[in-house]
Amino acid sequence: MAQKKTGSSGKLIKFLITAVIIFGAGFLVIKNGDIIGDYFVALDYKPSAEIAAMVSELELTDEGMRIMKASLPEVQSAETFNNNCTSSDSDTSVLGCYSQRRVYIYEVENEELNGVQQSTLAHELLHAVWERRKNDDIAAELLMTYEQHRSELDEHMSHYDEASKVDELHSVIGTQLHDDDLSEKLQTHYQKYFKNRAKIVEYYRQYEEKFTRLEQRNAELKEKIDDMTSDIQVRSTQYENDAATLNRDIDVFNSHARNGYYSNNASFTADRNRLLARQSQLSRDYDDINAKIDEVNQLIEEYNANVSHSNELYSSINSKISAPDEALGQ
């Protein structure tokens, strides 16, 4: 009996060990489900030469590369891109989207905007990361960082509701803010996916600066144009009033000269010289006003050229984006 009992006990222990091993294996499958799923999804993926070059430029870690490949990234022309990135369940950005666990990038052919596709690809990769690695601690860090950099991020984030806010912040902060602006926890988080995140931020700054410079210069130009136009209007009104007064005074002088008002040449000459001096000043005022008008017209030409340039840049990245400014009339 004792031996039988011991034998049963041994079988029971063996069964329990087997059960634990089986349970443990099941746990590993659940825990690493994304890794295994990503591996199988990426098996037959063959990136285009363009995507392969961009991915290489992002300098991803092994984990970042795994998620990137599993997201089957693809560069698409406008029509195809819009079909894939306009559905209600896609998390869209200006130049790309992460939809149905796939990354789509809008094809940008404008060489002036080098860096835009790399930045967009990194941005969308982080959406794929967030879907797999949602983390309340990281979410809190993202929201805290957002509060510290609202002046930089508010315009972009105004397009997103509360439900997608943290997801979008995860991509925006990860691709637009330098390490100095991030907590140690966030830096460590992003290091899991990028070997050199400073390079990612530089891609964003590189193309964004093109728009920023144009916008800042046009803001300066518009302020100067408005100030100079107001000054010209005031001076033109003053000129017209002074010219009308001078013409009346000249008429009076001529009338006096004809009817013998002047009894001596000294008073005639003095009045005449005063009128000539006023006439000369009025002529200088006229030339100065016209010079100001020419200067304003040159500034307007520069402003309109910048608007045209800006419109070309916006058109080259997304045909659905409206131009930010309208040309000024001359």
Protein backbone atom coordinates (compact mmCIF):
# COMPACT_ATOMS: atom_id res chain seq x y z
CA MET A 1 0.00 0.00 0.00
CA ALA A 2 2.72 2.33 0.92
CA GLN A 3 4.48 1.67 -2.33
CA LYS A 4 1.28 2.09 -4.22
CA LYS A 5 0.63 5.30 -2.38
CA THR A 6 4.10 6.50 -3.15
CA GLY A 7 3.66 5.54 -6.75
CA SER A 8 0.42 7.47 -6.99
CA SER A 9 2.02 10.38 -5.32
CA GLY A 10 4.86 10.28 -7.80
CA LYS A 11 2.42 10.23 -10.70
CA LEU A 12 0.51 13.10 -9.16
CA ILE A 13 3.68 15.14 -8.72
CA LYS A 14 4.70 14.36 -12.28
CA PHE A 15 1.27 15.41 -13.48
CA LEU A 16 1.46 18.65 -11.54
CA ILE A 17 4.89 19.42 -12.95
CA THR A 18 3.62 18.68 -16.45
CA ALA A 19 0.61 20.90 -15.84
CA VAL A 20 2.79 23.71 -14.63
CA ILE A 21 5.02 23.37 -17.66
CA ILE A 22 2.04 23.38 -19.99
CA PHE A 23 0.51 26.32 -18.16
CA GLY A 24 3.82 28.14 -18.27
CA ALA A 25 4.12 27.60 -21.99
CA GLY A 26 0.60 28.95 -22.45
CA PHE A 27 1.55 32.00 -20.39
CA LEU A 28 4.59 32.61 -22.57
CA VAL A 29 2.46 32.44 -25.71
CA ILE A 30 0.03 34.98 -24.26
CA LYS A 31 2.78 37.24 -22.97
CA ASN A 32 4.74 37.08 -26.23
CA GLY A 33 1.74 36.91 -28.51
CA ASP A 34 2.61 40.19 -30.22
CA ILE A 35 6.17 39.05 -30.83
CA ILE A 36 5.07 35.76 -32.36
CA GLY A 37 2.25 37.42 -34.30
CA ASP A 38 4.60 40.11 -35.60
CA TYR A 39 7.07 37.47 -36.69
CA PHE A 40 4.51 35.58 -38.78
CA VAL A 41 3.00 38.75 -40.27
CA ALA A 42 6.43 39.94 -41.38
CA LEU A 43 7.55 36.61 -42.86
CA ASP A 44 6.48 37.35 -46.43
CA TYR A 45 6.93 41.13 -46.27
CA LYS A 46 9.26 42.50 -48.93
CA PRO A 47 9.78 46.26 -48.48
CA SER A 48 10.21 48.51 -51.48
CA ALA A 49 13.66 50.00 -52.04
CA GLU A 50 12.28 53.34 -50.86
CA ILE A 51 10.91 51.91 -47.62
CA ALA A 52 14.05 49.85 -47.01
CA ALA A 53 16.19 52.99 -47.34
CA MET A 54 13.96 54.98 -44.99
CA VAL A 55 13.83 52.21 -42.39
CA SER A 56 17.61 51.96 -42.49
CA GLU A 57 17.88 55.72 -41.91
CA LEU A 58 15.71 55.47 -38.77
CA GLU A 59 18.32 53.26 -37.04
CA LEU A 60 15.80 51.05 -35.23
CA THR A 61 16.51 48.59 -32.44
CA ASP A 62 15.62 44.93 -32.94
CA GLU A 63 12.26 45.49 -31.26
CA GLY A 64 11.60 48.59 -33.33
CA MET A 65 12.51 46.72 -36.50
CA ARG A 66 10.23 43.82 -35.60
CA ILE A 67 7.23 46.10 -35.12
CA MET A 68 8.12 48.08 -38.24
CA LYS A 69 8.22 44.98 -40.42
CA ALA A 70 5.01 43.65 -38.88
CA SER A 71 3.31 46.96 -39.78
CA LEU A 72 4.03 46.29 -43.48
CA PRO A 73 4.91 49.94 -44.24
CA GLU A 74 4.13 51.18 -47.70
CA VAL A 75 4.63 54.48 -49.55
CA GLN A 76 1.57 55.35 -51.63
CA SER A 77 0.50 57.99 -54.14
CA ALA A 78 -2.38 60.33 -53.31
CA GLU A 79 -5.38 58.33 -54.49
CA THR A 80 -4.35 55.04 -52.89
CA PHE A 81 -3.14 56.77 -49.74
CA ASN A 82 -6.42 58.65 -49.32
CA ASN A 83 -8.38 55.42 -49.72
CA ASN A 84 -6.39 53.77 -46.96
CA CYS A 85 -6.15 56.72 -44.61
CA THR A 86 -9.63 58.20 -44.52
CA SER A 87 -11.56 55.42 -42.74
CA SER A 88 -12.98 56.21 -39.32
CA ASP A 89 -10.89 53.54 -37.61
CA SER A 90 -7.53 54.82 -38.84
CA ASP A 91 -5.30 57.02 -36.76
CA THR A 92 -4.35 59.58 -39.36
CA SER A 93 -1.75 62.28 -39.42
CA VAL A 94 -1.00 64.83 -42.08
CA LEU A 95 1.36 62.63 -44.04
CA GLY A 96 0.65 59.09 -42.93
CA CYS A 97 -1.60 56.82 -40.94
CA TYR A 98 -1.58 53.65 -38.90
CA SER A 99 -4.70 51.71 -39.85
CA GLN A 100 -5.63 48.07 -39.33
CA ARG A 101 -2.13 47.42 -37.95
CA ARG A 102 -0.54 48.74 -41.13
CA VAL A 103 1.52 51.85 -41.81
CA TYR A 104 0.87 53.98 -44.89
CA ILE A 105 3.08 56.90 -45.91
CA TYR A 106 2.14 59.58 -48.40
CA GLU A 107 4.54 59.81 -51.33
CA VAL A 108 6.37 63.16 -51.21
CA GLU A 109 8.43 63.94 -54.29
CA ASN A 110 9.51 67.46 -53.33
CA GLU A 111 13.23 67.21 -52.60
CA GLU A 112 13.05 70.44 -50.62
CA LEU A 113 11.21 68.49 -47.92
CA ASN A 114 13.87 65.89 -47.23
CA GLY A 115 13.18 64.25 -43.89
CA VAL A 116 9.40 64.44 -44.05
CA GLN A 117 8.86 60.80 -44.96
CA GLN A 118 11.40 59.52 -42.43
CA SER A 119 9.74 61.59 -39.70
CA THR A 120 6.30 60.36 -40.71
CA LEU A 121 7.41 56.73 -40.79
CA ALA A 122 8.83 57.05 -37.26
CA HIS A 123 5.63 58.76 -36.10
CA GLU A 124 3.43 55.98 -37.44
CA LEU A 125 5.73 53.29 -36.06
CA LEU A 126 5.12 54.73 -32.59
CA HIS A 127 1.37 54.33 -33.12
CA ALA A 128 2.06 50.63 -33.78
CA VAL A 129 4.20 50.50 -30.64
CA TRP A 130 1.46 52.11 -28.54
CA GLU A 131 -1.13 49.62 -29.75
CA ARG A 132 1.12 46.83 -28.47
CA ARG A 133 2.52 48.49 -25.37
CA LYS A 134 -0.13 50.74 -23.81
CA ASN A 135 1.24 51.79 -20.41
CA ASP A 136 -0.45 53.96 -17.78
CA ASP A 137 2.88 55.10 -16.34
CA ILE A 138 4.08 56.20 -19.77
CA ALA A 139 0.70 57.84 -20.42
CA ALA A 140 1.12 59.94 -17.28
CA GLU A 141 4.62 60.96 -18.41
CA LEU A 142 3.31 61.90 -21.86
CA LEU A 143 0.55 64.08 -20.40
CA MET A 144 3.01 65.78 -18.07
CA THR A 145 5.38 66.48 -20.97
CA TYR A 146 2.48 67.83 -23.01
CA GLU A 147 1.61 70.33 -20.27
CA GLN A 148 5.22 71.51 -20.28
CA HIS A 149 5.27 72.02 -24.07
CA ARG A 150 1.76 73.10 -24.94
CA SER A 151 2.99 76.12 -26.90
CA GLU A 152 4.77 73.74 -29.29
CA LEU A 153 2.18 70.97 -29.41
CA ASP A 154 -1.24 72.58 -28.96
CA GLU A 155 -1.84 73.40 -32.61
CA HIS A 156 -1.21 69.81 -33.64
CA MET A 157 -3.09 68.26 -30.71
CA SER A 158 -6.17 70.44 -31.26
CA HIS A 159 -7.18 67.99 -34.02
CA TYR A 160 -7.42 65.02 -31.63
CA ASP A 161 -10.11 64.05 -29.14
CA GLU A 162 -9.55 62.71 -25.63
CA ALA A 163 -9.84 59.09 -26.76
CA SER A 164 -6.86 59.36 -29.10
CA LYS A 165 -4.93 62.03 -27.19
CA VAL A 166 -2.34 59.87 -25.42
CA ASP A 167 -1.76 57.68 -28.47
CA GLU A 168 -1.05 60.77 -30.58
CA LEU A 169 1.12 62.35 -27.89
CA HIS A 170 3.18 59.15 -27.81
CA SER A 171 4.03 59.63 -31.51
CA VAL A 172 4.36 63.41 -31.47
CA ILE A 173 6.58 63.65 -28.40
CA GLY A 174 8.68 60.72 -29.58
CA THR A 175 9.46 62.34 -32.94
CA GLN A 176 9.44 66.08 -32.21
CA LEU A 177 10.98 66.75 -28.79
CA HIS A 178 14.64 66.39 -27.86
CA ASP A 179 15.81 64.22 -24.96
CA ASP A 180 16.40 67.34 -22.85
CA ASP A 181 12.63 67.89 -22.95
CA LEU A 182 11.78 64.34 -21.84
CA SER A 183 11.80 62.61 -18.48
CA GLU A 184 14.27 59.78 -17.93
CA LYS A 185 11.39 57.31 -18.07
CA LEU A 186 10.31 58.52 -21.50
CA GLN A 187 13.88 58.53 -22.79
CA THR A 188 14.28 54.93 -21.67
CA HIS A 189 10.95 54.01 -23.27
CA TYR A 190 11.84 55.42 -26.68
CA GLN A 191 15.32 53.87 -26.54
CA LYS A 192 13.63 50.49 -26.87
CA TYR A 193 12.75 51.38 -30.47
CA PHE A 194 15.27 53.97 -31.70
CA LYS A 195 19.06 53.74 -31.39
CA ASN A 196 19.43 57.43 -32.19
CA ARG A 197 16.22 59.33 -31.50
CA ALA A 198 17.99 62.69 -31.93
CA LYS A 199 18.22 61.82 -35.61
CA ILE A 200 14.46 61.24 -35.72
CA VAL A 201 13.80 64.66 -34.19
CA GLU A 202 16.19 66.24 -36.67
CA TYR A 203 14.21 64.78 -39.58
CA TYR A 204 11.11 66.50 -38.22
CA ARG A 205 12.86 69.82 -37.55
CA GLN A 206 14.51 69.69 -40.96
CA TYR A 207 11.30 69.79 -42.97
CA GLU A 208 9.15 71.67 -40.47
CA GLU A 209 11.66 74.52 -40.51
CA LYS A 210 10.88 75.11 -44.19
CA PHE A 211 7.30 76.00 -43.31
CA THR A 212 8.18 77.82 -40.09
CA ARG A 213 10.66 80.15 -41.79
CA LEU A 214 8.17 81.09 -44.48
CA GLU A 215 5.39 81.65 -41.94
CA GLN A 216 7.59 83.74 -39.65
CA ARG A 217 8.94 85.85 -42.50
CA ASN A 218 5.44 86.46 -43.85
CA ALA A 219 4.21 87.42 -40.40
CA GLU A 220 7.02 89.99 -40.24
CA LEU A 221 6.27 91.18 -43.76
CA LYS A 222 2.55 91.52 -43.13
CA GLU A 223 3.13 93.58 -40.00
CA LYS A 224 5.57 95.83 -41.84
CA ILE A 225 3.28 96.13 -44.86
CA ASP A 226 0.32 97.03 -42.65
CA ASP A 227 2.33 99.65 -40.72
CA MET A 228 3.78 101.20 -43.86
CA THR A 229 0.41 101.20 -45.63
CA SER A 230 -1.17 103.03 -42.70
CA ASP A 231 1.68 105.54 -42.69
CA ILE A 232 1.35 106.06 -46.44
CA GLN A 233 -2.38 106.68 -46.09
CA VAL A 234 -1.82 109.25 -43.35
CA ARG A 235 0.96 110.97 -45.27
CA SER A 236 -1.02 110.87 -48.53
CA THR A 237 -3.98 112.54 -46.82
CA GLN A 238 -1.66 115.15 -45.35
CA TYR A 239 -0.04 115.67 -48.74
CA GLU A 240 -3.39 116.20 -50.44
CA ASN A 241 -4.45 118.71 -47.77
CA ASP A 242 -1.13 120.56 -47.99
CA ALA A 243 -1.31 120.59 -51.80
CA ALA A 244 -4.85 121.98 -51.72
CA THR A 245 -3.82 124.68 -49.22
CA LEU A 246 -0.76 125.58 -51.28
CA ASN A 247 -2.81 125.84 -54.45
CA ARG A 248 -5.27 128.19 -52.70
CA ASP A 249 -2.38 130.29 -51.37
CA ILE A 250 -0.80 130.42 -54.83
CA ASP A 251 -4.10 131.63 -56.28
CA VAL A 252 -4.27 134.35 -53.62
CA PHE A 253 -0.67 135.34 -54.28
CA ASN A 254 -1.26 135.52 -58.03
CA SER A 255 -4.40 137.57 -57.46
CA HIS A 256 -2.50 139.97 -55.21
CA ALA A 257 0.28 140.25 -57.76
CA ARG A 258 -2.22 141.16 -60.48
CA ASN A 259 -4.23 143.74 -58.53
CA GLY A 260 -1.27 145.73 -57.13
CA TYR A 261 -1.41 144.35 -53.59
CA TYR A 262 2.35 144.36 -53.34
CA SER A 263 3.67 147.91 -52.93
CA ASN A 264 7.30 146.83 -53.06
CA ASN A 265 9.39 144.03 -54.47
CA ALA A 266 10.65 142.91 -51.05
CA SER A 267 7.27 141.72 -49.78
CA PHE A 268 6.45 140.15 -53.17
CA THR A 269 9.73 138.29 -53.24
CA ALA A 270 9.37 137.12 -49.61
CA ASP A 271 5.86 135.72 -50.20
CA ARG A 272 6.92 134.13 -53.46
CA ASN A 273 9.95 132.47 -51.88
CA ARG A 274 7.81 131.09 -49.05
CA LEU A 275 5.44 129.57 -51.58
CA LEU A 276 8.32 128.12 -53.59
CA ALA A 277 9.79 126.59 -50.41
CA ARG A 278 6.44 125.00 -49.57
CA GLN A 279 6.18 123.75 -53.13
CA SER A 280 9.66 122.22 -52.93
CA GLN A 281 8.79 120.54 -49.61
CA LEU A 282 5.58 119.23 -51.09
CA SER A 283 7.54 117.82 -54.04
CA ARG A 284 9.91 116.04 -51.64
CA ASP A 285 6.92 114.68 -49.71
CA TYR A 286 5.47 113.40 -52.97
CA ASP A 287 8.72 111.64 -53.92
CA ASP A 288 9.06 110.17 -50.43
CA ILE A 289 5.50 108.82 -50.46
CA ASN A 290 6.06 107.23 -53.87
CA ALA A 291 9.32 105.69 -52.65
CA LYS A 292 7.43 104.21 -49.69
CA ILE A 293 4.78 102.88 -52.06
CA ASP A 294 7.49 101.22 -54.18
CA GLU A 295 8.99 99.70 -51.03
CA VAL A 296 5.63 98.35 -49.91
CA ASN A 297 5.03 96.89 -53.37
CA GLN A 298 8.39 95.10 -53.17
CA LEU A 299 7.46 93.70 -49.75
CA ILE A 300 4.09 92.57 -51.13
CA GLU A 301 5.89 90.83 -54.02
CA GLU A 302 8.10 89.00 -51.51
CA TYR A 303 5.07 88.12 -49.36
CA ASN A 304 3.16 86.76 -52.36
CA ALA A 305 6.22 84.80 -53.53
CA ASN A 306 6.43 83.24 -50.06
CA VAL A 307 2.72 82.40 -50.15
CA SER A 308 3.20 80.75 -53.53
CA HIS A 309 6.21 78.84 -52.23
CA SER A 310 4.36 77.79 -49.10
CA ASN A 311 1.38 76.65 -51.16
CA GLU A 312 3.68 74.54 -53.32
CA LEU A 313 5.18 72.91 -50.23
CA TYR A 314 1.75 72.21 -48.73
CA SER A 315 0.50 70.85 -52.02
CA SER A 316 3.49 68.56 -52.32
CA ILE A 317 2.85 66.91 -48.96
CA ASN A 318 -0.92 66.60 -49.08
CA SER A 319 -3.35 67.76 -51.74
CA LYS A 320 -6.15 67.98 -49.17
CA ILE A 321 -4.42 70.60 -47.01
CA SER A 322 -5.66 74.15 -47.55
CA ALA A 323 -3.18 76.97 -48.09
CA PRO A 324 -2.60 78.96 -44.91
CA ASP A 325 -2.54 82.41 -46.48
CA GLU A 326 -3.98 84.36 -49.36
CA ALA A 327 -1.95 86.63 -51.59
CA LEU A 328 -2.03 90.36 -50.92
CA GLY A 329 -3.22 92.75 -53.62
CA GLN A 330 -1.04 95.63 -54.73
